[in-house]
PDB file of N, CA and C in Angstrom:
ATOM      1  N   MET A   1     -17.217  27.292 -14.162  1.00  0.00           N
ATOM      2  CA  MET A   1     -16.109  26.609 -14.495  1.00  0.00           C
ATOM      3  C   MET A   1     -15.696  25.365 -12.907  1.00  0.00           C
ATOM      4  N   ILE A   2     -15.720  24.439 -13.779  1.00  0.00           N
ATOM      5  CA  ILE A   2     -16.582  23.016 -13.562  1.00  0.00           C
ATOM      6  C   ILE A   2     -14.751  21.845 -13.775  1.00  0.00           C
ATOM      7  N   THR A   3     -14.003  21.749 -12.305  1.00  0.00           N
ATOM      8  CA  THR A   3     -12.974  21.175 -12.440  1.00  0.00           C
ATOM      9  C   THR A   3     -12.242  20.149 -11.194  1.00  0.00           C
ATOM     10  N   SER A   4     -10.666  20.070 -10.830  1.00  0.00           N
ATOM     11  CA  SER A   4     -10.307  19.182 -10.222  1.00  0.00           C
ATOM     12  C   SER A   4      -9.834  20.095  -9.800  1.00  0.00           C
ATOM     13  N   ALA A   5      -9.322  19.117  -8.260  1.00  0.00           N
ATOM     14  CA  ALA A   5      -8.807  19.739  -7.709  1.00  0.00           C
ATOM     15  C   ALA A   5      -6.520  20.205  -7.693  1.00  0.00           C
ATOM     16  N   GLN A   6      -6.518  19.032  -8.827  1.00  0.00           N
ATOM     17  CA  GLN A   6      -5.219  19.066  -9.184  1.00  0.00           C
ATOM     18  C   GLN A   6      -4.920  20.673  -9.791  1.00  0.00           C
ATOM     19  N   SER A   7      -5.884  20.678 -10.823  1.00  0.00           N
ATOM     20  CA  SER A   7      -4.978  22.325 -11.175  1.00  0.00           C
ATOM     21  C   SER A   7      -6.466  23.270 -11.239  1.00  0.00           C
ATOM     22  N   ALA A   8      -7.194  23.149 -10.770  1.00  0.00           N
ATOM     23  CA  ALA A   8      -7.687  24.268  -9.274  1.00  0.00           C
ATOM     24  C   ALA A   8      -6.698  25.861  -9.165  1.00  0.00           C
ATOM     25  N   PRO A   9      -5.731  25.326  -8.667  1.00  0.00           N
ATOM     26  CA  PRO A   9      -5.004  26.400  -8.768  1.00  0.00           C
ATOM     27  C   PRO A   9      -4.179  26.921  -9.635  1.00  0.00           C
ATOM     28  N   ILE A  10      -4.139  26.107 -11.519  1.00  0.00           N
ATOM     29  CA  ILE A  10      -3.982  26.348 -12.569  1.00  0.00           C
ATOM     30  C   ILE A  10      -4.042  27.217 -12.421  1.00  0.00           C
ATOM     31  N   LEU A  11      -5.397  27.166 -12.844  1.00  0.00           N
ATOM     32  CA  LEU A  11      -6.886  28.079 -13.085  1.00  0.00           C
ATOM     33  C   LEU A  11      -6.919  29.319 -12.010  1.00  0.00           C
ATOM     34  N   GLN A  12      -6.348  29.672 -10.729  1.00  0.00           N
ATOM     35  CA  GLN A  12      -6.899  30.376 -10.047  1.00  0.00           C
ATOM     36  C   GLN A  12      -6.734  31.509 -10.513  1.00  0.00           C
ATOM     37  N   PRO A  13      -5.862  31.900 -11.504  1.00  0.00           N
ATOM     38  CA  PRO A  13      -5.464  33.221 -11.985  1.00  0.00           C
ATOM     39  C   PRO A  13      -6.906  33.878 -13.138  1.00  0.00           C
ATOM     40  N   TYR A  14      -7.156  33.036 -13.583  1.00  0.00           N
ATOM     41  CA  TYR A  14      -8.392  32.726 -14.374  1.00  0.00           C
ATOM     42  C   TYR A  14      -9.651  33.478 -13.731  1.00  0.00           C
ATOM     43  N   LEU A  15      -9.420  32.999 -12.618  1.00  0.00           N
ATOM     44  CA  LEU A  15     -10.605  33.788 -11.915  1.00  0.00           C
ATOM     45  C   LEU A  15     -11.136  34.341 -10.945  1.00  0.00           C
ATOM     46  N   GLN A  16      -9.122  35.602 -10.710  1.00  0.00           N
ATOM     47  CA  GLN A  16      -8.804  36.273 -10.000  1.00  0.00           C
ATOM     48  C   GLN A  16      -9.077  38.034 -11.367  1.00  0.00           C
ATOM     49  N   SER A  17      -8.778  37.140 -12.249  1.00  0.00           N
ATOM     50  CA  SER A  17      -9.090  37.669 -13.358  1.00  0.00           C
ATOM     51  C   SER A  17     -10.080  38.770 -13.690  1.00  0.00           C
ATOM     52  N   ARG A  18     -11.186  37.297 -13.181  1.00  0.00           N
ATOM     53  CA  ARG A  18     -12.544  37.477 -14.299  1.00  0.00           C
ATOM     54  C   ARG A  18     -12.735  37.278 -15.089  1.00  0.00           C
ATOM     55  N   GLN A  19     -11.372  35.742 -16.230  1.00  0.00           N
ATOM     56  CA  GLN A  19     -12.697  35.396 -17.029  1.00  0.00           C
ATOM     57  C   GLN A  19     -13.207  34.315 -16.528  1.00  0.00           C
ATOM     58  N   LEU A  20     -13.090  34.218 -15.843  1.00  0.00           N
ATOM     59  CA  LEU A  20     -13.648  32.767 -15.290  1.00  0.00           C
ATOM     60  C   LEU A  20     -14.823  33.243 -14.585  1.00  0.00           C
ATOM     61  N   SER A  21     -15.742  33.771 -14.024  1.00  0.00           N
ATOM     62  CA  SER A  21     -16.831  34.221 -13.680  1.00  0.00           C
ATOM     63  C   SER A  21     -16.959  33.377 -12.475  1.00  0.00           C
ATOM     64  N   GLY A  22     -16.977  31.828 -12.329  1.00  0.00           N
ATOM     65  CA  GLY A  22     -17.077  31.415 -11.139  1.00  0.00           C
ATOM     66  C   GLY A  22     -16.339  29.628 -11.148  1.00  0.00           C
ATOM     67  N   MET A  23     -15.571  28.803 -10.485  1.00  0.00           N
ATOM     68  CA  MET A  23     -14.873  28.067 -10.773  1.00  0.00           C
ATOM     69  C   MET A  23     -14.951  27.273  -8.871  1.00  0.00           C
ATOM     70  N   ILE A  24     -15.371  26.176  -8.976  1.00  0.00           N
ATOM     71  CA  ILE A  24     -15.879  24.451  -8.183  1.00  0.00           C
ATOM     72  C   ILE A  24     -14.793  23.429  -8.617  1.00  0.00           C
ATOM     73  N   GLY A  25     -13.784  24.033  -7.207  1.00  0.00           N
ATOM     74  CA  GLY A  25     -12.677  22.902  -7.282  1.00  0.00           C
ATOM     75  C   GLY A  25     -12.589  21.481  -7.263  1.00  0.00           C
ATOM     76  N   GLY A  26     -13.183  20.596  -7.223  1.00  0.00           N
ATOM     77  CA  GLY A  26     -12.704  19.699  -6.234  1.00  0.00           C
ATOM     78  C   GLY A  26     -13.715  18.726  -5.392  1.00  0.00           C
ATOM     79  N   LEU A  27     -13.254  18.115  -5.517  1.00  0.00           N
ATOM     80  CA  LEU A  27     -14.705  17.107  -3.933  1.00  0.00           C
ATOM     81  C   LEU A  27     -15.806  18.844  -3.540  1.00  0.00           C
ATOM     82  N   ILE A  28     -14.291  19.359  -2.266  1.00  0.00           N
ATOM     83  CA  ILE A  28     -15.289  19.445  -1.573  1.00  0.00           C
ATOM     84  C   ILE A  28     -15.706  20.957  -2.305  1.00  0.00           C
ATOM     85  N   ASP A  29     -15.507  21.755  -2.827  1.00  0.00           N
ATOM     86  CA  ASP A  29     -16.099  22.433  -3.618  1.00  0.00           C
ATOM     87  C   ASP A  29     -17.328  21.917  -4.368  1.00  0.00           C
ATOM     88  N   GLY A  30     -17.615  21.092  -4.578  1.00  0.00           N
ATOM     89  CA  GLY A  30     -18.931  20.555  -5.402  1.00  0.00           C
ATOM     90  C   GLY A  30     -19.430  20.055  -4.425  1.00  0.00           C
ATOM     91  N   ALA A  31     -18.975  19.566  -3.012  1.00  0.00           N
ATOM     92  CA  ALA A  31     -20.036  19.385  -2.391  1.00  0.00           C
ATOM     93  C   ALA A  31     -20.730  20.799  -1.769  1.00  0.00           C
ATOM     94  N   ALA A  32     -19.944  21.677  -1.199  1.00  0.00           N
ATOM     95  CA  ALA A  32     -20.310  23.287  -1.262  1.00  0.00           C
ATOM     96  C   ALA A  32     -21.197  23.587  -2.426  1.00  0.00           C
ATOM     97  N   TYR A  33     -21.366  22.873  -3.059  1.00  0.00           N
ATOM     98  CA  TYR A  33     -22.460  23.645  -3.792  1.00  0.00           C
ATOM     99  C   TYR A  33     -23.013  22.623  -4.364  1.00  0.00           C
ATOM    100  N   ASP A  34     -22.992  21.408  -3.887  1.00  0.00           N
ATOM    101  CA  ASP A  34     -24.158  21.084  -3.581  1.00  0.00           C
ATOM    102  C   ASP A  34     -25.349  21.985  -2.112  1.00  0.00           C
ATOM    103  N   ARG A  35     -24.119  21.407  -0.988  1.00  0.00           N
ATOM    104  CA  ARG A  35     -25.053  22.888  -0.341  1.00  0.00           C
ATOM    105  C   ARG A  35     -26.077  24.413  -0.875  1.00  0.00           C
ATOM    106  N   LEU A  36     -25.373  25.402  -1.281  1.00  0.00           N
ATOM    107  CA  LEU A  36     -25.435  25.697  -0.885  1.00  0.00           C
ATOM    108  C   LEU A  36     -26.810  25.727  -2.331  1.00  0.00           C
ATOM    109  N   THR A  37     -27.336  25.067  -3.497  1.00  0.00           N
ATOM    110  CA  THR A  37     -28.372  25.160  -3.998  1.00  0.00           C
ATOM    111  C   THR A  37     -29.475  23.917  -3.169  1.00  0.00           C
ATOM    112  N   GLY A  38     -28.941  23.350  -2.535  1.00  0.00           N
ATOM    113  CA  GLY A  38     -30.207  22.603  -1.579  1.00  0.00           C
ATOM    114  C   GLY A  38     -30.305  20.748  -1.401  1.00  0.00           C
ATOM    115  N   ARG A  39     -29.292  20.435  -2.184  1.00  0.00           N
ATOM    116  CA  ARG A  39     -29.059  19.093  -3.305  1.00  0.00           C
ATOM    117  C   ARG A  39     -28.630  18.156  -2.179  1.00  0.00           C
ATOM    118  N   THR A  40     -29.808  17.048  -1.583  1.00  0.00           N
ATOM    119  CA  THR A  40     -28.850  16.108  -0.159  1.00  0.00           C
ATOM    120  C   THR A  40     -28.359  15.275  -1.011  1.00  0.00           C
ATOM    121  N   ASP A  41     -28.688  14.612  -2.054  1.00  0.00           N
ATOM    122  CA  ASP A  41     -27.598  13.501  -3.590  1.00  0.00           C
ATOM    123  C   ASP A  41     -27.517  13.868  -4.444  1.00  0.00           C
ATOM    124  N   GLY A  42     -26.228  15.103  -4.268  1.00  0.00           N
ATOM    125  CA  GLY A  42     -25.944  15.012  -5.603  1.00  0.00           C
ATOM    126  C   GLY A  42     -24.578  13.945  -5.731  1.00  0.00           C
ATOM    127  N   ALA A  43     -23.989  15.042  -7.164  1.00  0.00           N
ATOM    128  CA  ALA A  43     -22.818  13.152  -8.203  1.00  0.00           C
ATOM    129  C   ALA A  43     -21.355  13.925  -6.171  1.00  0.00           C
ATOM    130  N   ALA A  44     -21.230  15.072  -6.270  1.00  0.00           N
ATOM    131  CA  ALA A  44     -20.315  15.320  -4.552  1.00  0.00           C
ATOM    132  C   ALA A  44     -20.488  14.138  -3.567  1.00  0.00           C
ATOM    133  N   ARG A  45     -21.858  14.257  -3.129  1.00  0.00           N
ATOM    134  CA  ARG A  45     -22.243  13.170  -1.927  1.00  0.00           C
ATOM    135  C   ARG A  45     -21.767  12.590  -2.592  1.00  0.00           C
ATOM    136  N   ARG A  46     -22.104  11.254  -3.896  1.00  0.00           N
ATOM    137  CA  ARG A  46     -21.539  10.643  -4.043  1.00  0.00           C
ATOM    138  C   ARG A  46     -20.723   9.559  -3.962  1.00  0.00           C
ATOM    139  N   ALA A  47     -20.220  10.718  -4.726  1.00  0.00           N
ATOM    140  CA  ALA A  47     -18.713  10.199  -4.813  1.00  0.00           C
ATOM    141  C   ALA A  47     -17.361  10.506  -3.463  1.00  0.00           C
ATOM    142  N   TRP A  48     -18.510  11.060  -2.293  1.00  0.00           N
ATOM    143  CA  TRP A  48     -17.594  11.454  -1.597  1.00  0.00           C
ATOM    144  C   TRP A  48     -18.289   9.566  -0.735  1.00  0.00           C
ATOM    145  N   ASP A  49     -19.290   9.515  -0.245  1.00  0.00           N
ATOM    146  CA  ASP A  49     -19.987   8.590   0.371  1.00  0.00           C
ATOM    147  C   ASP A  49     -18.540   6.895  -0.281  1.00  0.00           C
ATOM    148  N   SER A  50     -18.820   7.048  -1.808  1.00  0.00           N
ATOM    149  CA  SER A  50     -17.862   6.029  -2.623  1.00  0.00           C
ATOM    150  C   SER A  50     -16.400   5.972  -1.723  1.00  0.00           C
ATOM    151  N   TYR A  51     -15.766   7.102  -1.326  1.00  0.00           N
ATOM    152  CA  TYR A  51     -14.511   7.629  -1.409  1.00  0.00           C
ATOM    153  C   TYR A  51     -14.590   6.251   0.349  1.00  0.00           C
ATOM    154  N   GLN A  52     -15.135   7.457   0.994  1.00  0.00           N
ATOM    155  CA  GLN A  52     -15.584   6.689   3.055  1.00  0.00           C
ATOM    156  C   GLN A  52     -15.530   5.006   2.751  1.00  0.00           C
ATOM    157  N   PHE A  53     -15.945   4.459   1.751  1.00  0.00           N
ATOM    158  CA  PHE A  53     -16.916   3.254   2.183  1.00  0.00           C
ATOM    159  C   PHE A  53     -14.921   2.135   1.145  1.00  0.00           C
ATOM    160  N   GLY A  54     -14.221   3.281   0.428  1.00  0.00           N
ATOM    161  CA  GLY A  54     -13.609   2.463   0.180  1.00  0.00           C
ATOM    162  C   GLY A  54     -12.543   2.660   1.533  1.00  0.00           C
ATOM    163  N   LEU A  55     -12.280   3.549   1.813  1.00  0.00           N
ATOM    164  CA  LEU A  55     -11.582   3.842   2.574  1.00  0.00           C
ATOM    165  C   LEU A  55     -11.829   3.117   4.120  1.00  0.00           C
ATOM    166  N   ILE A  56     -12.673   2.490   4.701  1.00  0.00           N
ATOM    167  CA  ILE A  56     -13.550   2.053   5.325  1.00  0.00           C
ATOM    168  C   ILE A  56     -13.044   1.013   4.816  1.00  0.00           C
ATOM    169  N   LEU A  57     -13.014   0.686   3.885  1.00  0.00           N
ATOM    170  CA  LEU A  57     -13.267  -1.416   2.955  1.00  0.00           C
ATOM    171  C   LEU A  57     -11.692  -1.362   3.193  1.00  0.00           C
ATOM    172  N   VAL A  58     -10.535  -0.571   3.092  1.00  0.00           N
ATOM    173  CA  VAL A  58      -9.760  -0.662   2.827  1.00  0.00           C
ATOM    174  C   VAL A  58      -8.968  -1.034   3.909  1.00  0.00           C
ATOM    175  N   ILE A  59      -9.023   0.049   5.656  1.00  0.00           N
ATOM    176  CA  ILE A  59      -8.605  -0.743   7.464  1.00  0.00           C
ATOM    177  C   ILE A  59      -9.010  -2.285   7.478  1.00  0.00           C
ATOM    178  N   LEU A  60     -10.517  -2.170   6.617  1.00  0.00           N
ATOM    179  CA  LEU A  60     -10.745  -3.402   7.716  1.00  0.00           C
ATOM    180  C   LEU A  60      -9.395  -4.766   7.105  1.00  0.00           C
ATOM    181  N   LEU A  61      -9.942  -4.167   5.988  1.00  0.00           N
ATOM    182  CA  LEU A  61      -8.479  -5.382   5.481  1.00  0.00           C
ATOM    183  C   LEU A  61      -7.001  -4.931   5.929  1.00  0.00           C
ATOM    184  N   ILE A  62      -6.823  -4.501   6.271  1.00  0.00           N
ATOM    185  CA  ILE A  62      -5.938  -3.984   7.243  1.00  0.00           C
ATOM    186  C   ILE A  62      -6.262  -4.740   8.392  1.00  0.00           C
ATOM    187  N   ILE A  63      -6.303  -4.697   8.082  1.00  0.00           N
ATOM    188  CA  ILE A  63      -7.100  -5.142   9.735  1.00  0.00           C
ATOM    189  C   ILE A  63      -7.226  -6.705  10.188  1.00  0.00           C
ATOM    190  N   LEU A  64      -7.564  -7.044   9.079  1.00  0.00           N
ATOM    191  CA  LEU A  64      -7.824  -8.211   9.120  1.00  0.00           C
ATOM    192  C   LEU A  64      -6.345  -8.736   8.738  1.00  0.00           C
ATOM    193  N   GLY A  65      -5.560  -8.482   7.781  1.00  0.00           N
ATOM    194  CA  GLY A  65      -4.423  -9.253   7.516  1.00  0.00           C
ATOM    195  C   GLY A  65      -3.954  -9.287   8.653  1.00  0.00           C
ATOM    196  N   GLY A  66      -3.681  -8.362   9.337  1.00  0.00           N
ATOM    197  CA  GLY A  66      -2.906  -7.867  10.679  1.00  0.00           C
ATOM    198  C   GLY A  66      -3.427  -9.680  11.513  1.00  0.00           C
ATOM    199  N   LEU A  67      -4.933  -9.269  12.174  1.00  0.00           N
ATOM    200  CA  LEU A  67      -4.840 -10.283  12.587  1.00  0.00           C
ATOM    201  C   LEU A  67      -4.677 -11.955  12.240  1.00  0.00           C
ATOM    202  N   PHE A  68      -5.177 -11.408  10.398  1.00  0.00           N
ATOM    203  CA  PHE A  68      -5.081 -13.108  10.158  1.00  0.00           C
ATOM    204  C   PHE A  68      -3.129 -13.468  10.500  1.00  0.00           C
ATOM    205  N   GLN A  69      -2.253 -12.569  10.839  1.00  0.00           N
ATOM    206  CA  GLN A  69      -0.187 -12.721  10.159  1.00  0.00           C
ATOM    207  C   GLN A  69      -0.642 -13.055  11.296  1.00  0.00           C
ATOM    208  N   SER A  70      -0.830 -12.638  12.921  1.00  0.00           N
ATOM    209  CA  SER A  70      -0.993 -12.718  14.189  1.00  0.00           C
ATOM    210  C   SER A  70      -1.150 -14.586  14.702  1.00  0.00           C
ATOM    211  N   LEU A  71      -2.460 -14.530  14.433  1.00  0.00           N
ATOM    212  CA  LEU A  71      -2.707 -16.014  14.412  1.00  0.00           C
ATOM    213  C   LEU A  71      -2.258 -16.722  13.766  1.00  0.00           C
ATOM    214  N   ALA A  72      -1.140 -16.528  12.294  1.00  0.00           N
ATOM    215  CA  ALA A  72      -0.280 -16.915  11.878  1.00  0.00           C
ATOM    216  C   ALA A  72       0.834 -17.745  12.600  1.00  0.00           C
ATOM    217  N   ARG A  73       1.156 -17.306  13.029  1.00  0.00           N
ATOM    218  CA  ARG A  73       2.976 -16.301  14.165  1.00  0.00           C
ATOM    219  C   ARG A  73       2.129 -17.594  15.743  1.00  0.00           C
ATOM    220  N   LEU A  74       0.868 -16.923  15.659  1.00  0.00           N
ATOM    221  CA  LEU A  74       0.888 -18.171  17.092  1.00  0.00           C
ATOM    222  C   LEU A  74       1.094 -20.126  17.031  1.00  0.00           C
ATOM    223  N   LEU A  75      -0.017 -20.086  15.870  1.00  0.00           N
ATOM    224  CA  LEU A  75      -0.546 -21.588  15.485  1.00  0.00           C
ATOM    225  C   LEU A  75       1.341 -21.643  15.012  1.00  0.00           C
ATOM    226  N   PRO A  76       1.624 -23.912  15.486  1.00  0.00           N
ATOM    227  CA  PRO A  76       3.017 -24.380  15.553  1.00  0.00           C
ATOM    228  C   PRO A  76       2.900 -24.632  14.124  1.00  0.00           C
ATOM    229  N   ARG A  77       3.946 -24.208  13.446  1.00  0.00           N
ATOM    230  CA  ARG A  77       4.121 -24.956  12.589  1.00  0.00           C
ATOM    231  C   ARG A  77       4.725 -26.339  11.635  1.00  0.00           C
ATOM    232  N   ARG A  78       4.296 -26.920  11.221  1.00  0.00           N
ATOM    233  CA  ARG A  78       3.938 -28.379  10.850  1.00  0.00           C
ATOM    234  C   ARG A  78       5.430 -28.876  10.356  1.00  0.00           C
ATOM    235  N   LYS A  79       6.487 -29.620  10.323  1.00  0.00           N
ATOM    236  CA  LYS A  79       7.717 -29.513   9.813  1.00  0.00           C
ATOM    237  C   LYS A  79       7.042 -30.695   8.785  1.00  0.00           C
ATOM    238  N   PRO A  80       7.662 -30.485   7.927  1.00  0.00           N
ATOM    239  CA  PRO A  80       8.186 -31.599   6.384  1.00  0.00           C
ATOM    240  C   PRO A  80       8.372 -32.580   7.211  1.00  0.00           C
ATOM    241  N   ARG A  81       7.563 -33.666   6.219  1.00  0.00           N
ATOM    242  CA  ARG A  81       8.466 -34.888   6.861  1.00  0.00           C
ATOM    243  C   ARG A  81       9.386 -36.091   5.561  1.00  0.00           C
ATOM    244  N   LYS A  82      10.323 -36.496   6.256  1.00  0.00           N
ATOM    245  CA  LYS A  82      11.436 -36.172   5.816  1.00  0.00           C
ATOM    246  C   LYS A  82      11.204 -38.168   5.011  1.00  0.00           C
ATOM    247  N   GLU A  83      11.513 -38.047   4.220  1.00  0.00           N
ATOM    248  CA  GLU A  83      10.772 -38.906   2.753  1.00  0.00           C
ATOM    249  C   GLU A  83      11.180 -41.045   2.950  1.00  0.00           C
ATOM    250  N   VAL A  84      11.660 -41.544   3.567  1.00  0.00           N
ATOM    251  CA  VAL A  84      12.393 -42.888   3.434  1.00  0.00           C
ATOM    252  C   VAL A  84      12.642 -43.128   3.195  1.00  0.00           C
ATOM    253  N   LYS A  85      13.903 -43.716   2.074  1.00  0.00           N
ATOM    254  CA  LYS A  85      14.231 -44.227   0.901  1.00  0.00           C
ATOM    255  C   LYS A  85      14.451 -45.557   1.342  1.00  0.00           C
ATOM    256  N   ALA A  86      14.040 -46.550   0.464  1.00  0.00           N
ATOM    257  CA  ALA A  86      14.464 -48.182   0.517  1.00  0.00           C
ATOM    258  C   ALA A  86      15.684 -48.331  -0.671  1.00  0.00           C
TER     259      ALA A  86
END
């Protein structure tokens, strides 16, 4: 059975009672299965690569946001001009 990492603990008793002959639970088990079968470009690998790319992108956005905020604090702010009423 192939299942998500969240439901693997719930299905563990079925595996122990031999109602299931095998179980792959989550991305880590999927990657281990790909390694056992000799696949280097399996679905688990593609999902893991996408996950890592997303994390790197989020980290870069946080760093860029921090740099932008730091630069914005260093630059002097313009005071709004008061309009002269005639």
